[in-house]
């Protein structure tokens, strides 16, 4: 097995907001943004565009040399889904997987604030 990369590029700290002068910030940052607020986006998209482009998710991945577990809850604005999987690195195959679709707001919802769920 090849060793994992040990070098990492230094990243700028996360900005205070996702927008700067009405436009999205782009890039990779270290840390988190306290609240994801698109209200100041210019030009302001209409209701239908916002509903169809709304995407929020929480993903957690845990692993060691033998196994990797991934779990996510995804809020797409008009629907939601959740999934989990267990991957064996040694066998290079999925040992278990699960997925469930649902109704947004009724069965799942992801907050604008990353630590609030």
Foldseek 3Di string as FASTA:
>chain_A
DDDDDDDDDDFAADDQEQDDQQHGDDDDHPDDHQFHDNVSHPPDDDPVVCQQADKDKDKDWDDDQFKIKIWMWIDRNQWIKIKIWIATPVVRGTPDIDMDIGGPPPPDDDHRGNVVD
